[in-house]
Protein backbone atom coordinates (compact mmCIF):
# COMPACT_ATOMS: atom_id res chain seq x y z
CA UNK A 1 208.81 31.73 67.61
CA UNK A 2 211.18 31.74 70.60
CA UNK A 3 209.41 31.90 73.98
CA UNK A 4 210.55 34.41 76.61
CA UNK A 5 213.04 32.67 78.90
CA UNK A 6 216.32 33.64 80.60
CA UNK A 7 218.23 31.50 78.10
CA UNK A 8 217.25 33.73 75.16
CA UNK A 9 217.82 37.16 76.70
CA UNK A 10 221.42 37.59 75.58
CA UNK A 11 220.58 36.56 72.01
CA UNK A 12 217.78 39.14 71.91
CA UNK A 13 220.01 41.78 73.54
CA UNK A 14 217.73 42.09 76.57
CA UNK A 15 219.78 43.43 79.53
CA UNK A 16 219.64 40.91 82.37
CA UNK A 17 219.52 41.85 86.05
CA UNK A 18 217.72 38.84 87.54
CA UNK A 19 218.08 38.98 91.35
CA UNK A 20 220.30 36.33 92.87
CA UNK A 21 218.22 35.72 95.99
CA UNK A 22 214.68 35.99 97.35
CA UNK A 23 213.93 38.75 99.84
CA UNK A 24 210.19 39.25 99.18
CA UNK A 25 207.07 37.21 98.54
CA UNK A 26 203.89 38.30 96.78
CA UNK A 27 200.57 36.54 97.05
CA UNK A 28 198.69 36.59 93.75
CA UNK A 29 199.26 37.60 90.14
CA UNK A 30 196.86 40.52 89.76
CA UNK A 31 197.38 43.64 87.68
CA UNK A 32 198.19 45.88 90.66
CA UNK A 33 201.09 43.54 91.44
CA UNK A 34 202.40 42.58 88.01
CA UNK A 35 201.44 45.79 86.22
CA UNK A 36 202.52 48.35 88.82
CA UNK A 37 204.29 47.07 91.95
CA UNK A 38 206.62 44.51 90.36
CA UNK A 39 207.42 46.90 87.52
CA UNK A 40 208.47 49.64 89.95
CA UNK A 41 210.40 47.21 92.16
CA UNK A 42 212.21 45.91 89.08
CA UNK A 43 213.37 49.46 88.28
CA UNK A 44 214.08 50.80 91.77
CA UNK A 45 215.05 47.67 93.72
CA UNK A 46 216.56 45.27 91.19
CA UNK A 47 218.16 43.11 93.90
CA UNK A 48 214.99 42.56 95.93
CA UNK A 49 214.01 39.21 94.36
CA UNK A 50 210.33 38.18 94.65
CA UNK A 51 208.81 34.73 95.05
CA UNK A 52 205.27 34.63 93.64
CA UNK A 53 202.70 32.43 95.41
CA UNK A 54 199.55 31.87 93.32
CA UNK A 55 196.14 31.74 95.01
CA UNK A 56 194.71 28.45 96.19
CA UNK A 57 192.12 26.81 93.96
CA UNK A 58 191.30 27.14 90.26
CA UNK A 59 193.43 29.37 88.04
CA UNK A 60 192.58 31.64 85.14
CA UNK A 61 189.09 32.67 84.04
CA UNK A 62 190.10 32.61 80.37
CA UNK A 63 191.22 28.99 80.27
CA UNK A 64 194.86 29.93 80.84
CA UNK A 65 196.85 29.30 84.01
CA UNK A 66 198.87 32.48 84.67
CA UNK A 67 200.98 30.75 87.32
CA UNK A 68 201.98 28.01 84.88
CA UNK A 69 202.75 30.56 82.15
CA UNK A 70 204.88 32.61 84.51
CA UNK A 71 206.65 29.51 85.80
CA UNK A 72 207.50 28.41 82.24
CA UNK A 73 209.12 31.82 81.71
CA UNK A 74 210.95 31.56 85.08
CA UNK A 75 209.17 34.66 86.36
CA UNK A 76 209.92 36.87 83.35
CA UNK A 77 207.24 38.83 81.51
CA UNK A 78 207.21 41.75 79.09
CA UNK A 79 205.53 45.02 79.94
CA UNK A 80 204.85 47.33 76.99
CA UNK A 81 204.83 50.96 78.13
CA UNK A 82 202.87 53.21 75.78
CA UNK A 83 201.88 56.85 76.23
CA UNK A 84 203.22 60.36 76.76
CA UNK A 85 205.29 62.12 79.38
CA UNK A 86 204.25 65.70 78.75
CA UNK A 87 204.88 66.23 75.04
CA UNK A 88 207.30 63.30 74.75
CA UNK A 89 205.99 59.99 73.38
CA UNK A 90 207.00 56.91 75.36
CA UNK A 91 207.12 53.56 73.63
CA UNK A 92 209.32 50.93 75.21
CA UNK A 93 209.41 47.23 76.07
CA UNK A 94 210.52 46.24 79.55
CA UNK A 95 211.25 42.63 80.53
CA UNK A 96 210.33 42.65 84.22
CA UNK A 97 212.76 40.43 86.14
CA UNK A 98 211.81 41.00 89.77
CA UNK A 99 210.02 37.62 90.12
CA UNK A 100 212.63 34.86 90.45
CA UNK A 101 210.43 31.98 91.57
CA UNK A 102 206.83 30.79 91.21
CA UNK A 103 205.96 28.75 94.30
CA UNK A 104 203.46 25.91 94.05
CA UNK A 105 202.83 23.04 96.43
CA UNK A 106 203.12 22.82 100.20
CA UNK A 107 206.74 21.66 100.23
CA UNK A 108 207.80 24.61 98.09
CA UNK A 109 205.81 26.96 100.36
CA UNK A 110 207.54 25.55 103.45
CA UNK A 111 210.93 25.94 101.77
CA UNK A 112 210.10 29.57 100.99
CA UNK A 113 209.03 30.14 104.61
CA UNK A 114 212.49 29.00 105.70
CA UNK A 115 214.34 31.48 103.46
CA UNK A 116 216.67 33.36 105.84
CA UNK A 117 216.51 36.69 103.99
CA UNK A 118 212.74 36.76 103.43
CA UNK A 119 211.54 40.05 104.90
CA UNK A 120 208.85 41.65 102.70
CA UNK A 121 205.40 40.49 101.59
CA UNK A 122 203.08 42.09 99.03
CA UNK A 123 199.30 41.63 98.96
CA UNK A 124 196.66 43.22 96.72
CA UNK A 125 193.80 43.86 99.15
CA UNK A 126 191.38 44.53 96.26
CA UNK A 127 192.04 41.27 94.46
CA UNK A 128 188.84 39.34 93.66
CA UNK A 129 190.65 36.19 94.87
CA UNK A 130 192.01 37.74 98.07
CA UNK A 131 190.67 34.97 100.33
CA UNK A 132 192.46 32.37 98.22
CA UNK A 133 195.65 34.43 98.29
CA UNK A 134 195.66 34.91 102.06
CA UNK A 135 195.27 31.19 102.74
CA UNK A 136 198.83 30.30 101.63
CA UNK A 137 200.07 33.51 103.30
CA UNK A 138 198.69 32.24 106.61
CA UNK A 139 200.36 28.83 106.12
CA UNK A 140 203.69 30.49 105.31
CA UNK A 141 203.50 32.62 108.46
CA UNK A 142 202.59 29.58 110.56
CA UNK A 143 205.66 27.77 109.20
CA UNK A 144 207.93 30.72 110.06
CA UNK A 145 206.47 30.94 113.56
CA UNK A 146 206.94 27.19 114.13
CA UNK A 147 210.55 27.46 112.95
CA UNK A 148 211.29 30.39 115.27
CA UNK A 149 211.91 32.78 112.36
CA UNK A 150 211.10 36.49 112.20
CA UNK A 151 207.95 38.06 110.86
CA UNK A 152 207.42 39.89 107.59
CA UNK A 153 206.65 43.48 106.65
CA UNK A 154 203.45 43.35 104.59
CA UNK A 155 202.94 46.01 101.91
CA UNK A 156 199.15 45.99 101.54
CA UNK A 157 198.09 47.52 98.23
CA UNK A 158 194.62 49.00 98.35
CA UNK A 159 192.37 52.02 98.43
CA UNK A 160 191.92 52.40 102.17
CA UNK A 161 194.29 53.84 104.75
CA UNK A 162 193.33 51.00 107.12
CA UNK A 163 193.78 48.13 104.66
CA UNK A 164 196.92 46.99 106.49
CA UNK A 165 194.94 46.48 109.67
CA UNK A 166 192.34 44.53 107.68
CA UNK A 167 194.97 42.15 106.31
CA UNK A 168 196.44 41.67 109.77
CA UNK A 169 193.02 40.74 111.19
CA UNK A 170 192.24 38.41 108.29
CA UNK A 171 195.54 36.55 108.65
CA UNK A 172 195.14 36.28 112.42
CA UNK A 173 191.69 34.73 111.90
CA UNK A 174 193.09 32.27 109.35
CA UNK A 175 196.01 31.30 111.60
CA UNK A 176 193.63 30.57 114.48
CA UNK A 177 196.15 29.75 117.22
CA UNK A 178 196.10 32.51 119.85
CA UNK A 179 199.86 32.37 120.43
CA UNK A 180 200.56 32.43 116.70
CA UNK A 181 198.14 35.36 116.38
CA UNK A 182 200.01 37.25 119.09
CA UNK A 183 203.34 36.57 117.31
CA UNK A 184 201.83 37.74 114.02
CA UNK A 185 200.77 41.08 115.50
CA UNK A 186 204.09 41.58 117.34
CA UNK A 187 206.58 40.29 114.76
CA UNK A 188 204.92 41.42 111.53
CA UNK A 189 204.18 44.90 110.25
CA UNK A 190 201.29 45.84 107.97
CA UNK A 191 201.74 48.95 105.85
CA UNK A 192 198.90 50.33 103.70
CA UNK A 193 199.99 51.28 100.20
CA UNK A 194 198.63 52.57 96.91
CA UNK A 195 199.77 51.06 93.60
CA UNK A 196 198.50 53.56 91.05
CA UNK A 197 198.63 53.09 87.28
CA UNK A 198 196.65 51.65 84.37
CA UNK A 199 198.01 48.23 83.45
CA UNK A 200 196.48 44.96 82.30
CA UNK A 201 197.40 41.63 80.83
CA UNK A 202 197.01 41.61 77.05
CA UNK A 203 194.22 39.49 75.61
CA UNK A 204 195.08 36.75 73.12
CA UNK A 205 194.53 38.93 70.04
CA UNK A 206 196.60 41.86 71.32
CA UNK A 207 199.32 39.54 72.62
CA UNK A 208 199.65 37.80 69.24
CA UNK A 209 199.97 41.13 67.46
CA UNK A 210 202.55 42.54 69.86
CA UNK A 211 204.58 39.33 70.06
CA UNK A 212 204.84 39.27 66.28
CA UNK A 213 206.45 42.71 66.45
CA UNK A 214 208.78 41.70 69.30
CA UNK A 215 209.64 38.45 67.50
CA UNK A 216 209.29 36.35 70.66
CA UNK A 217 206.31 34.84 72.46
CA UNK A 218 205.22 35.91 75.93
CA UNK A 219 202.20 34.31 77.59
CA UNK A 220 202.14 37.00 80.31
CA UNK A 221 202.47 40.14 78.18
CA UNK A 222 201.18 43.27 79.95
CA UNK A 223 200.31 46.73 78.61
CA UNK A 224 200.80 49.82 80.77
CA UNK A 225 200.83 53.59 80.65
CA UNK A 226 204.04 55.49 81.51
CA UNK A 227 202.51 56.75 84.76
CA UNK A 228 203.08 54.41 87.70
CA UNK A 229 203.36 55.21 91.37
CA UNK A 230 203.53 53.27 94.62
CA UNK A 231 203.10 55.12 97.90
CA UNK A 232 203.65 53.20 101.14
CA UNK A 233 202.67 54.50 104.57
CA UNK A 234 205.58 53.30 106.66
CA UNK A 235 208.34 54.57 108.96
CA UNK A 236 211.42 56.10 107.37
CA UNK A 237 213.42 53.10 108.55
CA UNK A 238 211.44 50.93 106.11
CA UNK A 239 212.85 52.91 103.18
CA UNK A 240 216.34 52.20 104.45
CA UNK A 241 215.45 48.54 104.91
CA UNK A 242 214.35 48.36 101.29
CA UNK A 243 217.29 50.38 100.05
CA UNK A 244 215.12 53.18 98.65
CA UNK A 245 216.56 56.62 98.01
CA UNK A 246 214.70 59.92 97.88
CA UNK A 247 212.41 60.63 94.94
CA UNK A 248 211.44 58.02 92.38
CA UNK A 249 208.15 56.30 91.76
CA UNK A 250 208.17 54.34 95.04
CA UNK A 251 207.54 56.72 97.94
CA UNK A 252 207.47 56.25 101.70
CA UNK A 253 204.87 58.62 103.19
CA UNK A 254 203.83 59.47 106.73
CA UNK A 255 200.12 59.46 105.87
CA UNK A 256 198.52 57.71 102.89
CA UNK A 257 195.16 59.46 103.30
CA UNK A 258 195.95 62.60 101.23
CA UNK A 259 197.36 60.44 98.42
CA UNK A 260 194.24 58.28 98.41
CA UNK A 261 191.92 61.28 98.59
CA UNK A 262 193.51 62.96 95.57
CA UNK A 263 193.30 59.81 93.47
CA UNK A 264 189.70 59.08 94.46
CA UNK A 265 188.27 62.57 94.05
CA UNK A 266 190.15 63.49 90.89
CA UNK A 267 191.25 60.44 88.91
CA UNK A 268 188.61 57.88 89.97
CA UNK A 269 185.71 60.35 89.91
CA UNK A 270 186.85 61.72 86.54
CA UNK A 271 187.13 58.25 85.06
CA UNK A 272 183.68 57.42 86.43
CA UNK A 273 182.26 60.57 84.87
CA UNK A 274 183.35 59.57 81.35
CA UNK A 275 183.14 55.76 81.37
CA UNK A 276 179.41 54.99 81.04
CA UNK A 277 178.58 58.13 78.99
CA UNK A 278 181.51 57.32 76.68
CA UNK A 279 180.44 53.72 76.12
CA UNK A 280 176.82 54.73 75.49
CA UNK A 281 178.01 57.36 72.99
CA UNK A 282 179.92 54.74 70.99
CA UNK A 283 183.46 55.26 72.32
CA UNK A 284 185.64 52.22 72.92
CA UNK A 285 188.73 53.71 74.60
CA UNK A 286 189.56 56.59 76.90
CA UNK A 287 191.31 58.26 73.96
CA UNK A 288 188.06 57.99 71.96
CA UNK A 289 186.28 59.82 74.79
CA UNK A 290 188.82 62.62 74.72
CA UNK A 291 188.41 62.95 70.94
CA UNK A 292 184.62 63.25 71.30
CA UNK A 293 184.18 67.01 71.38
CA UNK A 294 180.97 67.14 73.41
CA UNK A 295 182.06 64.45 75.85
CA UNK A 296 185.44 66.07 76.42
CA UNK A 297 183.68 69.35 77.20
CA UNK A 298 181.38 67.49 79.59
CA UNK A 299 184.35 65.91 81.40
CA UNK A 300 186.06 69.31 81.58
CA UNK A 301 182.95 70.82 83.21
CA UNK A 302 182.84 67.91 85.66
CA UNK A 303 186.35 68.75 86.83
CA UNK A 304 186.11 72.54 86.74
CA UNK A 305 182.61 72.93 88.22
CA UNK A 306 182.32 69.93 90.57
CA UNK A 307 185.49 67.98 91.34
CA UNK A 308 188.06 70.74 91.81
CA UNK A 309 185.84 72.92 94.04
CA UNK A 310 185.22 69.87 96.22
CA UNK A 311 188.89 68.94 96.57
CA UNK A 312 190.32 69.84 99.99
CA UNK A 313 193.58 70.95 98.41
CA UNK A 314 193.95 74.37 96.88
CA UNK A 315 193.17 74.42 93.17
CA UNK A 316 196.74 75.56 92.55
CA UNK A 317 198.03 72.31 94.11
CA UNK A 318 195.48 70.00 92.47
CA UNK A 319 195.70 71.50 88.96
CA UNK A 320 198.96 69.74 87.94
CA UNK A 321 197.44 66.41 88.97
CA UNK A 322 194.34 67.10 86.85
CA UNK A 323 196.54 67.92 83.85
CA UNK A 324 198.26 64.59 84.42
CA UNK A 325 194.86 62.85 84.58
CA UNK A 326 193.91 64.26 81.19
CA UNK A 327 197.25 63.16 79.72
CA UNK A 328 196.49 59.65 80.94
CA UNK A 329 192.94 59.72 79.57
CA UNK A 330 194.13 61.00 76.19
CA UNK A 331 196.85 58.35 75.79
CA UNK A 332 196.64 57.47 72.07
CA UNK A 333 199.39 54.84 72.23
CA UNK A 334 197.62 52.32 74.46
CA UNK A 335 194.17 50.78 73.78
CA UNK A 336 192.72 51.60 77.19
CA UNK A 337 189.25 50.12 76.76
CA UNK A 338 186.71 52.13 78.75
CA UNK A 339 185.02 49.28 80.57
CA UNK A 340 188.27 47.41 81.13
CA UNK A 341 190.30 50.19 82.74
CA UNK A 342 187.24 51.74 84.40
CA UNK A 343 186.46 48.60 86.36
CA UNK A 344 185.00 48.38 88.85
CA UNK A 345 182.87 51.44 88.12
CA UNK A 346 180.66 51.08 91.17
CA UNK A 347 183.68 51.17 93.46
CA UNK A 348 185.11 54.23 91.67
CA UNK A 349 181.73 55.90 92.14
CA UNK A 350 181.49 55.02 95.82
CA UNK A 351 184.99 56.16 96.76
CA UNK A 352 185.39 59.10 94.37
CA UNK A 353 182.17 60.62 93.09
CA UNK A 354 179.67 59.85 95.86
CA UNK A 355 181.39 61.90 98.60
CA UNK A 356 181.48 64.88 96.23
CA UNK A 357 177.77 64.44 95.44
CA UNK A 358 176.84 64.25 99.12
CA UNK A 359 178.82 67.38 100.03
CA UNK A 360 177.50 69.29 97.03
CA UNK A 361 173.86 68.42 97.77
CA UNK A 362 174.26 69.28 101.45
CA UNK A 363 175.49 72.75 100.50
CA UNK A 364 173.32 73.46 97.42
CA UNK A 365 170.17 71.41 98.13
CA UNK A 366 170.52 69.75 94.73
CA UNK A 367 172.92 67.20 93.25
CA UNK A 368 175.87 68.20 91.03
CA UNK A 369 174.70 68.23 87.41
CA UNK A 370 177.52 66.32 85.68
CA UNK A 371 178.12 63.61 88.27
CA UNK A 372 174.36 62.99 88.48
CA UNK A 373 174.23 62.43 84.74
CA UNK A 374 177.23 60.07 84.93
CA UNK A 375 175.36 58.08 87.58
CA UNK A 376 172.24 57.95 85.39
CA UNK A 377 174.37 56.75 82.46
CA UNK A 378 175.95 54.07 84.67
CA UNK A 379 172.50 52.85 85.71
CA UNK A 380 171.47 52.72 82.05
CA UNK A 381 174.62 50.79 81.16
CA UNK A 382 174.42 48.31 84.03
CA UNK A 383 170.68 47.75 83.60
CA UNK A 384 171.61 46.20 80.25
CA UNK A 385 174.06 43.72 81.83
CA UNK A 386 173.14 40.07 81.44
CA UNK A 387 174.96 36.85 82.45
CA UNK A 388 176.36 34.87 79.53
CA UNK A 389 175.91 31.44 81.08
CA UNK A 390 179.51 31.18 82.33
CA UNK A 391 179.21 33.52 85.29
CA UNK A 392 180.34 36.55 83.25
CA UNK A 393 178.14 39.60 82.76
CA UNK A 394 178.09 41.41 79.43
CA UNK A 395 176.53 44.53 77.96
CA UNK A 396 175.61 44.92 74.31
CA UNK A 397 175.91 47.93 72.03
CA UNK A 398 174.57 47.10 68.61
CA UNK A 399 176.38 43.91 67.56
CA UNK A 400 179.22 44.55 70.02
CA UNK A 401 179.37 42.74 73.36
CA UNK A 402 181.62 43.76 76.26
CA UNK A 403 182.37 42.17 79.62
CA UNK A 404 181.35 44.13 82.71
CA UNK A 405 183.70 43.37 85.60
CA UNK A 406 182.20 44.50 88.91
CA UNK A 407 180.73 43.19 92.13
CA UNK A 408 178.83 39.99 91.18
CA UNK A 409 176.04 40.62 93.69
CA UNK A 410 175.48 44.12 92.33
CA UNK A 411 175.49 42.88 88.74
CA UNK A 412 172.91 40.24 89.68
CA UNK A 413 170.65 43.03 90.99
CA UNK A 414 171.10 45.14 87.85
CA UNK A 415 170.33 42.08 85.70
CA UNK A 416 166.78 42.17 87.09
CA UNK A 417 166.35 45.67 85.64
CA UNK A 418 166.19 46.92 82.07
CA UNK A 419 167.42 50.12 80.44
CA UNK A 420 164.05 50.59 78.72
CA UNK A 421 162.04 50.58 81.96
CA UNK A 422 159.99 53.71 82.71
CA UNK A 423 162.56 56.31 83.86
CA UNK A 424 160.98 56.90 87.27
CA UNK A 425 160.78 53.16 87.95
CA UNK A 426 164.39 52.53 86.90
CA UNK A 427 165.73 55.46 88.93
CA UNK A 428 163.76 54.36 92.00
CA UNK A 429 164.76 50.69 91.70
CA UNK A 430 168.46 51.45 91.32
CA UNK A 431 168.88 54.30 93.81
CA UNK A 432 166.77 52.70 96.55
CA UNK A 433 168.52 49.32 96.50
CA UNK A 434 170.94 49.42 99.43
CA UNK A 435 172.77 46.31 98.19
CA UNK A 436 174.18 48.40 95.34
CA UNK A 437 175.52 51.29 97.41
CA UNK A 438 177.10 49.76 100.53
CA UNK A 439 173.90 50.02 102.54
CA UNK A 440 172.97 53.56 101.46
CA UNK A 441 169.69 54.73 99.92
CA UNK A 442 170.78 57.31 97.34
CA UNK A 443 167.26 58.77 97.17
CA UNK A 444 168.18 60.55 100.39
CA UNK A 445 170.48 62.90 98.43
CA UNK A 446 168.47 66.04 97.72
CA UNK A 447 166.96 65.99 94.24
CA UNK A 448 169.00 63.02 92.99
CA UNK A 449 166.11 60.67 92.21
CA UNK A 450 164.32 63.29 90.12
CA UNK A 451 167.53 64.33 88.36
CA UNK A 452 168.49 60.72 87.49
CA UNK A 453 164.98 59.90 86.27
CA UNK A 454 165.00 62.97 84.00
CA UNK A 455 168.45 62.07 82.60
CA UNK A 456 167.35 58.48 81.97
CA UNK A 457 164.30 59.80 80.10
CA UNK A 458 166.54 62.06 78.00
CA UNK A 459 168.89 59.17 77.16
CA UNK A 460 166.01 56.88 76.27
CA UNK A 461 164.64 59.54 73.94
CA UNK A 462 168.05 60.50 72.49
CA UNK A 463 170.98 58.04 72.84
CA UNK A 464 173.41 60.87 72.03
CA UNK A 465 172.14 63.05 74.88
CA UNK A 466 174.63 64.91 77.06
CA UNK A 467 173.82 67.80 79.41
CA UNK A 468 174.76 71.15 77.89
CA UNK A 469 176.71 73.79 79.72
CA UNK A 470 174.44 76.16 81.63
CA UNK A 471 173.76 79.48 79.94
CA UNK A 472 175.83 82.39 81.23
């Protein structure tokens, strides 16, 4: 089978628009970059041209080296878009061509630093290998400073409005030299950004199946939903610098906070509410959850009774976004595995559901019913996580085993617990452990410990348990 490469594109009738020059650099090969940012840049800014710098150190947790695979394909990879836009099914293959070079080795990094048109840098601030990605970024900046070249505008993908400042501080610490640090802060810009969309690299089984249908091999095949959005908090002049017009899926905004708040409190919290209950009820994908009549009703109550009333926007404004969330959850054309796309669940809880729970309890002197149950289900799920001997944590459901991808320190704590512990003991151990909740003791939320213990007891007694709607 022919392997994806520029030389075969004409024969396969794949339209080519490979950029002629490099104007941007990205550090890392994570899903937020390849699955969302590079895809949108390829569509909206086809002349940008990105050089990809892999992280320092070992590559690939699955035995593969993504950087080597991408280099063999000269930066090309296929992204399969599957899902719905309203009532219209979307099923297309996109060969993303925005990456024109994979940079490895110090000489290649120095040569990239000397590129006269290099102006933009992309960093995924939530990457698990961020430290190893920032190390070559610091060396590239040092080389530009030593050569008397200009700084770069960093687009910092993350979930915090201050993530740009965090990257600036981290790079300044890595660079060390006080004069270089001053140049970095004066000559470079750091813009926080959100890359929003469900996308992931296909596993070996899925890749083999899809490549057989495409009739060419692609070692970096990605699957994605139609929805994709990148919002960048930057001056209007940055849009002109990029060559962005109005509208489109890449937006320049004055304030990223409202965009982040909507995603956290509606999409992240909703996904958290269904993930652990769905897995425990036997669902494998988000679409399975939406087909489960009782679980779908539970998720609907979570939104209508708890998430929408807590949203600072008017319900009229938030409602279209919620409809879009359900369309994404229901996607029957993409195998969005619950625990894969829900990862990391603890972070989604902390940034989306926990603020709602705190506000609700402060006003009502009790925790919100649905989100409390979702937390209890998450504790039950994670208390079954065990290391597999290779540093990976897994949970079992019958004969099925699934990887849990979350904070390793938190998973190590949960591995000392068990889902068949006495309910009161399990609720106390999980909620009181500040290492799990960013230093917080969740027992301080009115009624939460008792509510979680009762839900754990109900799930231990009946694995199919879900809270029923309150009687009218």
